[in-house]
Protein backbone atom coordinates (compact mmCIF):
# COMPACT_ATOMS: atom_id res chain seq x y z
CA MET A 1 3.44 0.27 34.76
CA CYS A 2 4.05 4.24 35.27
CA GLY A 3 7.01 5.74 37.22
CA ILE A 4 7.64 8.87 38.71
CA VAL A 5 11.46 10.49 39.13
CA GLY A 6 11.59 13.95 41.07
CA TYR A 7 15.03 15.94 41.78
CA VAL A 8 15.38 18.67 43.55
CA GLY A 9 19.13 19.78 44.27
CA GLY A 10 22.24 21.52 43.15
CA GLN A 11 22.83 19.77 40.04
CA GLU A 12 21.02 20.20 36.60
CA ALA A 13 17.77 18.06 37.02
CA TRP A 14 17.24 17.06 33.17
CA PRO A 15 20.17 14.74 32.88
CA ILE A 16 19.15 13.34 36.71
CA ILE A 17 15.52 12.81 35.66
CA TYR A 18 16.25 11.50 32.17
CA GLU A 19 18.48 8.72 33.69
CA GLY A 20 15.93 8.06 36.08
CA LEU A 21 13.15 7.43 33.54
CA ARG A 22 15.56 5.40 31.63
CA ARG A 23 16.03 3.32 34.57
CA LEU A 24 12.22 2.64 34.77
CA GLU A 25 11.70 1.59 30.98
CA TYR A 26 11.82 -1.99 32.13
CA ARG A 27 8.40 -1.50 33.63
CA GLY A 28 6.53 -0.88 30.35
CA TYR A 29 4.88 2.59 29.54
CA ASP A 30 3.74 4.38 26.26
CA SER A 31 4.80 8.05 26.73
CA ALA A 32 7.27 9.72 29.08
CA GLY A 33 7.63 13.83 30.03
CA ILE A 34 9.90 15.86 32.29
CA ALA A 35 8.76 19.43 33.35
CA VAL A 36 11.85 21.58 35.14
CA VAL A 37 11.87 24.92 36.50
CA ASP A 38 14.04 26.97 34.74
CA PRO A 39 16.03 29.90 36.35
CA HIS A 40 13.57 32.25 35.60
CA GLY A 41 11.15 30.36 37.65
CA ASP A 42 9.11 28.95 34.67
CA ILE A 43 8.33 25.40 34.16
CA GLN A 44 9.44 23.93 30.89
CA LEU A 45 8.01 20.95 29.56
CA ARG A 46 9.01 18.32 27.10
CA LYS A 47 7.05 15.16 26.46
CA THR A 48 7.06 12.31 23.84
CA VAL A 49 4.93 9.29 22.86
CA GLY A 50 6.74 6.06 23.05
CA LYS A 51 10.44 5.66 24.25
CA VAL A 52 12.06 7.93 26.77
CA SER A 53 14.78 8.61 24.34
CA GLY A 54 12.08 10.51 22.43
CA LEU A 55 12.73 13.17 24.98
CA GLU A 56 16.01 13.81 23.19
CA ARG A 57 14.26 15.04 20.39
CA THR A 58 11.83 17.59 22.02
CA GLY A 59 14.35 20.29 21.68
CA GLU A 60 17.01 21.81 23.96
CA HIS A 61 17.08 20.51 27.53
CA PRO A 62 15.85 22.90 30.16
CA ASN A 63 17.98 24.24 32.78
CA GLY A 64 17.45 24.26 36.31
CA SER A 65 17.69 22.23 39.74
CA VAL A 66 14.15 21.46 40.10
CA GLY A 67 11.79 19.01 38.17
CA LEU A 68 9.93 16.01 37.87
CA GLY A 69 9.54 13.08 35.25
CA HIS A 70 6.97 10.13 34.32
CA THR A 71 6.53 7.40 32.24
CA ARG A 72 2.79 6.85 31.57
CA TRP A 73 0.93 3.80 30.92
CA ALA A 74 -2.58 4.74 29.43
CA SER A 75 -5.23 3.52 31.71
CA VAL A 76 -7.56 6.70 31.32
CA GLY A 77 -7.28 8.36 28.04
CA VAL A 78 -5.82 7.74 24.70
CA ILE A 79 -2.12 7.59 24.20
CA SER A 80 -0.91 10.83 22.76
CA GLU A 81 1.62 13.72 23.65
CA PRO A 82 -1.28 15.84 25.29
CA ASN A 83 -2.13 12.89 27.59
CA ALA A 84 1.70 11.96 28.55
CA HIS A 85 2.71 13.38 31.92
CA PRO A 86 3.52 15.91 33.17
CA LEU A 87 0.46 17.78 32.81
CA ASP A 88 0.13 21.45 33.56
CA SER A 89 -2.11 24.14 34.52
CA HIS A 90 -1.23 26.29 31.34
CA GLU A 91 -1.38 23.44 28.83
CA LEU A 92 -4.68 22.67 30.28
CA GLY A 93 -6.37 26.01 29.51
CA HIS A 94 -5.54 28.02 32.78
CA PRO A 95 -3.01 30.58 31.67
CA ASN A 96 -4.04 32.92 34.51
CA HIS A 97 -3.84 30.59 37.18
CA PRO A 98 -0.29 29.77 38.92
CA TYR A 99 1.84 27.44 37.02
CA VAL A 100 1.43 23.97 38.48
CA ALA A 101 3.09 20.70 36.96
CA ALA A 102 1.89 17.32 38.13
CA VAL A 103 2.04 13.74 37.43
CA LEU A 104 -0.17 10.72 38.45
CA ASN A 105 0.30 7.35 39.03
CA GLY A 106 -2.97 5.29 39.55
CA ASP A 107 -6.39 6.13 39.04
CA ILE A 108 -8.78 9.06 40.33
CA ASP A 109 -11.86 7.50 40.08
CA ASN A 110 -14.01 10.21 40.78
CA TYR A 111 -12.30 12.74 38.47
CA ALA A 112 -15.29 13.33 36.33
CA ASP A 113 -17.56 13.95 39.07
CA LEU A 114 -15.17 16.85 40.47
CA ILE A 115 -14.82 18.10 36.80
CA GLU A 116 -18.62 18.57 36.79
CA LEU A 117 -18.63 19.83 40.80
CA HIS A 118 -16.02 22.32 39.95
CA ASP A 119 -17.49 23.39 36.83
CA LEU A 120 -14.11 23.21 35.07
CA GLU A 121 -13.12 23.79 31.50
CA VAL A 122 -9.95 22.24 30.36
CA ALA A 123 -8.29 21.27 27.18
CA PRO A 124 -10.90 19.10 25.15
CA GLU A 125 -7.63 17.00 23.78
CA ILE A 126 -6.39 15.74 26.99
CA THR A 127 -8.71 13.21 28.21
CA THR A 128 -6.72 11.76 31.15
CA ASP A 129 -8.20 11.69 34.75
CA ALA A 130 -4.62 13.49 35.88
CA LYS A 131 -5.92 16.85 34.31
CA ILE A 132 -7.94 17.34 37.53
CA VAL A 133 -4.65 17.57 39.46
CA PRO A 134 -2.96 20.31 38.12
CA THR A 135 -6.46 22.19 37.15
CA LEU A 136 -7.61 21.97 40.74
CA LEU A 137 -4.29 22.81 42.32
CA SER A 138 -3.71 25.85 40.22
CA ARG A 139 -7.31 27.16 41.11
CA LYS A 140 -6.85 26.41 44.75
CA LEU A 141 -3.59 28.54 44.70
CA THR A 142 -5.42 31.53 43.53
CA THR A 143 -7.40 31.69 46.36
CA GLY A 144 -4.14 32.51 48.55
CA SER A 145 -3.61 28.98 50.06
CA GLU A 146 -0.11 27.95 50.57
CA ASN A 147 1.31 25.28 48.16
CA ILE A 148 1.44 22.51 50.71
CA GLU A 149 -2.10 22.99 51.91
CA ALA A 150 -3.51 23.55 48.42
CA PHE A 151 -1.90 20.02 47.84
CA ARG A 152 -3.24 18.54 50.75
CA THR A 153 -6.95 19.71 50.24
CA THR A 154 -6.93 19.01 46.66
CA VAL A 155 -5.98 15.42 46.89
CA SER A 156 -8.07 14.93 49.70
CA ALA A 157 -10.99 14.97 47.45
CA PHE A 158 -9.83 12.15 45.15
CA GLU A 159 -11.10 8.69 45.28
CA GLY A 160 -8.90 5.93 44.14
CA SER A 161 -5.37 4.53 44.14
CA MET A 162 -2.73 6.72 43.10
CA ALA A 163 0.68 8.30 43.85
CA ILE A 164 1.03 12.36 42.92
CA VAL A 165 3.80 14.51 42.57
CA SER A 166 3.30 18.29 41.75
CA HIS A 167 5.24 21.21 41.35
CA CYS A 168 4.16 25.00 41.39
CA ALA A 169 6.66 27.32 39.53
CA ASP A 170 6.14 29.84 42.51
CA GLU A 171 7.92 27.61 44.76
């Protein structure tokens, strides 16, 4: 079962999110990831296949007081580091759009229809339904929508049962 941990506060986000993910390990999962907004406003992403402890081997922990983490149980798409969450709009092939990171628990049943409807091109190695979240959010933000309104509009098009957490590097 997937798990989501988020943090916004005055402390370093990484250790809080990491510990939260470790506490969710008993639920079962196949990959994990953490995205932290660094002091420059960029999203620093670390992902691993397997245990949460694998995040310790992904390099230096990013500094920042805002972040989100996820443990994934693959229901759509293969178990791979590119499919691990958080997914972000830049890794999905949209470097000119606002930088959005997102996690998804559950399933977006109509994601293939939405990809076709919006004529989206996304990184082919990412095969999960969650790729639609940061892709459509970042696209909506390019139209000048505020973050909350972009989120509401984007997720209102999704069909299925899900929980979604996202963060835009601009906020």
